[in-house]
Protein backbone atom coordinates (compact mmCIF):
# COMPACT_ATOMS: atom_id res chain seq x y z
CA MET A 1 0.30 -29.22 0.65
CA GLY A 2 -1.48 -32.58 1.02
CA ASP A 3 -5.26 -33.17 1.25
CA ASP A 4 -5.83 -30.73 4.36
CA PRO A 5 -8.50 -28.25 2.61
CA SER A 6 -7.21 -25.36 5.12
CA SER A 7 -3.58 -25.33 3.24
CA ALA A 8 -5.02 -24.92 -0.08
CA PRO A 9 -5.15 -21.63 -1.95
CA LEU A 10 -8.14 -19.99 -2.31
CA VAL A 11 -10.24 -19.41 -5.63
CA ARG A 12 -13.46 -17.56 -6.53
CA SER A 13 -13.67 -19.34 -9.74
CA LYS A 14 -12.15 -21.51 -12.24
CA GLN A 15 -12.27 -19.49 -15.01
CA ARG A 16 -10.55 -16.38 -13.01
CA VAL A 17 -7.53 -19.15 -12.29
CA ALA A 18 -7.49 -20.09 -16.38
CA ASP A 19 -7.62 -16.32 -17.29
CA HIS A 20 -5.17 -14.66 -15.00
CA GLY A 21 -4.04 -17.53 -12.25
CA GLU A 22 -5.83 -15.77 -9.90
CA VAL A 23 -5.48 -17.70 -6.30
CA PHE A 24 -5.67 -15.99 -3.00
CA THR A 25 -3.34 -17.07 -0.47
CA PRO A 26 -4.82 -18.58 3.12
CA PRO A 27 -4.68 -16.26 5.92
CA TRP A 28 -3.00 -18.43 8.14
CA MET A 29 -0.12 -18.87 5.59
CA VAL A 30 0.08 -14.83 5.22
CA GLU A 31 0.71 -14.82 8.98
CA ASP A 32 3.54 -17.16 9.07
CA MET A 33 5.18 -15.52 5.73
CA LEU A 34 4.98 -11.96 7.70
CA ASN A 35 6.58 -13.46 11.44
CA LEU A 36 9.36 -14.92 9.19
CA VAL A 37 10.04 -10.53 8.67
CA LYS A 38 8.17 -9.47 12.08
CA ALA A 39 9.80 -6.76 12.80
CA GLU A 40 9.76 -4.92 9.31
CA SER A 41 5.78 -6.20 8.96
CA GLU A 42 5.32 -4.18 11.95
CA ARG A 43 7.19 -0.96 11.88
CA ILE A 44 5.37 2.34 11.11
CA ASP A 45 7.47 3.73 8.12
CA SER A 46 8.39 0.85 6.59
CA ARG A 47 7.30 0.67 2.66
CA VAL A 48 5.69 -2.63 1.67
CA LEU A 49 4.69 -3.40 -2.07
CA GLU A 50 2.79 -6.69 -3.19
CA PRO A 51 2.81 -6.71 -6.71
CA ALA A 52 -0.02 -8.94 -7.03
CA CYS A 53 -2.30 -7.65 -4.37
CA GLY A 54 -5.05 -9.16 -5.22
CA SER A 55 -8.29 -7.88 -2.24
CA GLY A 56 -5.23 -7.30 0.02
CA ASN A 57 -4.66 -10.54 1.52
CA PHE A 58 -1.35 -9.50 2.72
CA LEU A 59 -1.53 -5.78 3.02
CA VAL A 60 -4.60 -5.79 5.70
CA PRO A 61 -2.65 -7.83 8.21
CA ILE A 62 0.42 -5.56 7.55
CA ILE A 63 -1.72 -2.44 8.43
CA LYS A 64 -3.01 -3.74 11.56
CA ARG A 65 0.08 -5.01 12.51
CA LYS A 66 1.38 -1.73 11.89
CA LEU A 67 -1.49 0.35 13.57
CA ALA A 68 -0.99 -2.26 16.24
CA THR A 69 2.83 -0.22 16.98
CA VAL A 70 0.59 3.13 16.60
CA GLU A 71 -1.24 2.44 19.45
CA ARG A 72 2.01 0.94 21.81
CA ARG A 73 4.06 4.15 20.98
CA TYR A 74 1.36 7.25 20.59
CA GLY A 75 -1.77 6.05 21.89
CA LYS A 76 -1.69 8.46 24.13
CA SER A 77 -2.10 11.38 21.74
CA ASP A 78 -4.55 11.36 20.06
CA PHE A 79 -3.03 14.03 17.28
CA GLU A 80 0.30 12.05 16.73
CA ARG A 81 -1.90 8.36 16.61
CA ARG A 82 -4.03 9.59 13.74
CA HIS A 83 -1.23 11.18 12.12
CA GLN A 84 1.40 8.44 12.76
CA ALA A 85 -1.51 5.89 11.72
CA LEU A 86 -2.44 7.93 8.37
CA PHE A 87 1.69 7.27 7.80
CA ALA A 88 1.68 3.66 8.25
CA LEU A 89 -1.44 3.56 5.66
CA MET A 90 1.06 6.13 3.43
CA CYS A 91 3.94 3.10 3.39
CA ILE A 92 1.46 0.49 2.28
CA TYR A 93 1.42 -0.18 -1.80
CA GLY A 94 0.11 -3.00 -4.18
CA ILE A 95 -0.66 -3.55 -8.22
CA GLU A 96 -3.38 -5.77 -9.41
CA LEU A 97 -4.02 -6.68 -12.71
CA LEU A 98 -8.06 -7.22 -11.88
CA ALA A 99 -9.90 -3.79 -11.16
CA ASP A 100 -12.86 -5.53 -8.45
CA ASN A 101 -9.67 -6.50 -6.56
CA ALA A 102 -8.31 -3.43 -6.61
CA ALA A 103 -10.83 -1.37 -5.39
CA GLU A 104 -11.51 -4.41 -2.77
CA CYS A 105 -8.18 -4.02 -1.79
CA ARG A 106 -8.61 -0.19 -0.87
CA ALA A 107 -11.60 -0.93 0.72
CA ASN A 108 -10.69 -3.39 2.92
CA LEU A 109 -7.36 -0.98 3.88
CA THR A 110 -9.66 1.93 4.13
CA GLU A 111 -12.03 -0.32 6.48
CA VAL A 112 -9.08 -1.44 8.85
CA PHE A 113 -8.17 2.30 9.10
CA SER A 114 -11.21 3.74 9.52
CA ASN A 115 -12.35 1.12 12.44
CA TYR A 116 -9.41 2.06 14.31
CA LEU A 117 -10.02 5.73 14.51
CA GLY A 118 -13.49 5.44 14.77
CA LEU A 119 -14.20 7.51 11.24
CA ALA A 120 -17.29 7.96 9.27
CA PRO A 121 -17.21 8.04 5.66
CA ALA A 122 -17.87 11.97 6.08
CA ASP A 123 -14.65 12.45 8.31
CA THR A 124 -11.54 14.18 6.27
CA TRP A 125 -9.72 11.76 7.89
CA TYR A 126 -11.57 8.97 5.61
CA THR A 127 -11.14 11.02 2.44
CA ALA A 128 -7.61 11.21 2.98
CA ALA A 129 -6.87 7.29 3.80
CA GLU A 130 -9.07 7.44 -0.10
CA ARG A 131 -6.87 9.74 -1.40
CA VAL A 132 -3.59 7.88 -0.38
CA LEU A 133 -4.95 4.60 -1.17
CA ALA A 134 -6.20 6.04 -4.60
CA ALA A 135 -2.47 6.50 -5.63
CA ASN A 136 -0.95 3.66 -3.65
CA VAL A 137 -2.71 0.70 -4.94
CA VAL A 138 -2.78 0.92 -8.81
CA GLN A 139 -4.55 -1.67 -11.40
CA GLY A 140 -1.39 -2.60 -13.35
CA ASP A 141 0.96 -5.09 -14.61
CA ALA A 142 4.20 -5.67 -12.53
CA LEU A 143 5.73 -7.17 -15.19
CA THR A 144 5.75 -4.67 -17.55
CA MET A 145 5.44 -1.88 -14.87
CA THR A 146 2.32 -0.66 -16.89
CA THR A 147 -1.18 0.76 -15.79
CA VAL A 148 -4.38 -1.28 -16.99
CA GLY A 149 -7.52 0.23 -17.43
CA THR A 150 -10.40 0.91 -20.26
CA THR A 151 -9.27 3.91 -21.44
CA PRO A 152 -6.06 5.58 -23.04
CA ASP A 153 -6.06 7.73 -20.23
CA THR A 154 -5.91 4.70 -17.91
CA HIS A 155 -3.55 1.97 -19.65
CA GLY A 156 -0.43 1.22 -21.02
CA HIS A 157 1.70 4.11 -18.76
CA PRO A 158 4.26 3.44 -16.55
CA ILE A 159 3.05 2.95 -12.91
CA VAL A 160 3.87 5.73 -10.49
CA PHE A 161 4.03 5.48 -7.19
CA PRO A 162 4.43 8.78 -4.51
CA GLU A 163 7.10 8.67 -1.70
CA TRP A 164 4.84 9.91 1.05
CA GLY A 165 6.77 11.44 4.39
CA TYR A 166 5.33 12.67 7.65
CA LEU A 167 7.42 15.54 8.37
CA GLY A 168 5.77 16.22 11.74
CA LYS A 169 3.69 18.73 13.75
CA GLY A 170 0.42 17.37 10.78
CA LYS A 171 2.51 17.92 7.91
CA TYR A 172 3.40 15.38 5.27
CA GLN A 173 5.46 15.68 1.94
CA ARG A 174 4.86 13.65 -1.65
CA ARG A 175 6.95 12.99 -4.15
CA ASP A 176 5.91 11.05 -7.21
CA PHE A 177 8.50 8.44 -8.45
CA ARG A 178 8.16 6.00 -11.80
CA TYR A 179 7.83 2.41 -10.68
CA ASP A 180 10.48 1.23 -13.34
CA SER A 181 13.01 3.51 -11.43
CA LEU A 182 12.39 2.02 -8.21
CA THR A 183 13.35 -1.35 -9.25
CA GLN A 184 16.48 -0.18 -10.88
CA ARG A 185 17.18 1.82 -7.44
CA ALA A 186 16.17 -1.68 -5.39
CA SER A 187 18.01 -3.49 -7.26
CA PHE A 188 20.86 -1.24 -6.42
CA GLN A 189 20.86 -1.02 -2.78
CA GLY A 190 18.26 -3.32 -1.63
CA THR A 191 15.51 -1.23 -0.66
CA LEU A 192 13.05 1.42 -2.65
CA TRP A 193 14.07 4.48 -0.98
CA ASP A 194 17.56 4.17 0.82
CA HIS A 195 19.40 7.06 1.56
CA LEU A 196 21.64 7.78 -2.00
CA GLU A 197 21.97 11.26 -3.52
CA GLU A 198 19.29 11.67 -5.67
CA HIS A 199 21.28 12.39 -8.78
CA GLU A 200 22.68 9.10 -7.86
CA ILE A 201 19.84 7.00 -9.41
CA PHE A 202 16.71 9.22 -10.44
CA THR A 203 15.12 12.32 -9.33
CA PRO A 204 10.79 12.24 -8.72
CA THR A 205 8.61 13.11 -11.78
CA LYS A 206 6.86 15.52 -9.54
CA GLU A 207 6.88 17.00 -5.97
CA TYR A 208 4.04 18.27 -3.84
CA PRO A 209 3.88 21.35 -1.39
CA ALA A 210 4.45 20.07 2.10
CA MET A 211 0.42 19.32 3.27
CA THR A 212 -1.86 18.78 5.93
CA VAL A 213 -4.52 16.17 6.39
CA GLU A 214 -7.29 18.68 5.55
CA GLU A 215 -5.26 20.00 2.30
CA LEU A 216 -4.60 15.92 1.10
CA ALA A 217 -8.27 15.18 1.52
CA ALA A 218 -8.94 18.11 -0.56
């Protein structure tokens, strides 16, 4: 990358680089990389997983692109605009080793979403977004596919991600899958959730009844 400082990866501290290999991709490079998959990065229902998401250097620009698509398609209907915006958020996933980065990533994504819809923290939609991101952005190790935490309840368990679907008329569906099973399916078909018979690959670890935003927030 030469001597141009703007092209260098960003770091918080040399110690974190040494301990965890932590570097952050510059924003201009993120945009260039996303432009290589422009259509997918802008599609509302494209599911994106960043296995070392940091504070959201990739995921934040992606949700901004998705919300721009929501505005173009559904901007004239506040009902659909809100529900499609939440669905766009539901399709973003991250794994991050460090707790502070994971929390910052969730906060950054929530901020973009809430700014788009003009939400206050007490708003039901704001709470729903926080619930979604608590499940979608996981503190874990993408190599071992297990959670990382400070207690037996939060450490060393298989990472589980929710598959969210928008059923229309304000209803969402959630099914949970183990990440290690998803990677097996991805290697078989090329995407995490493609249209295969469930018994051919795997079944969800848990299924939830269809829910509204209010039920999700509660």
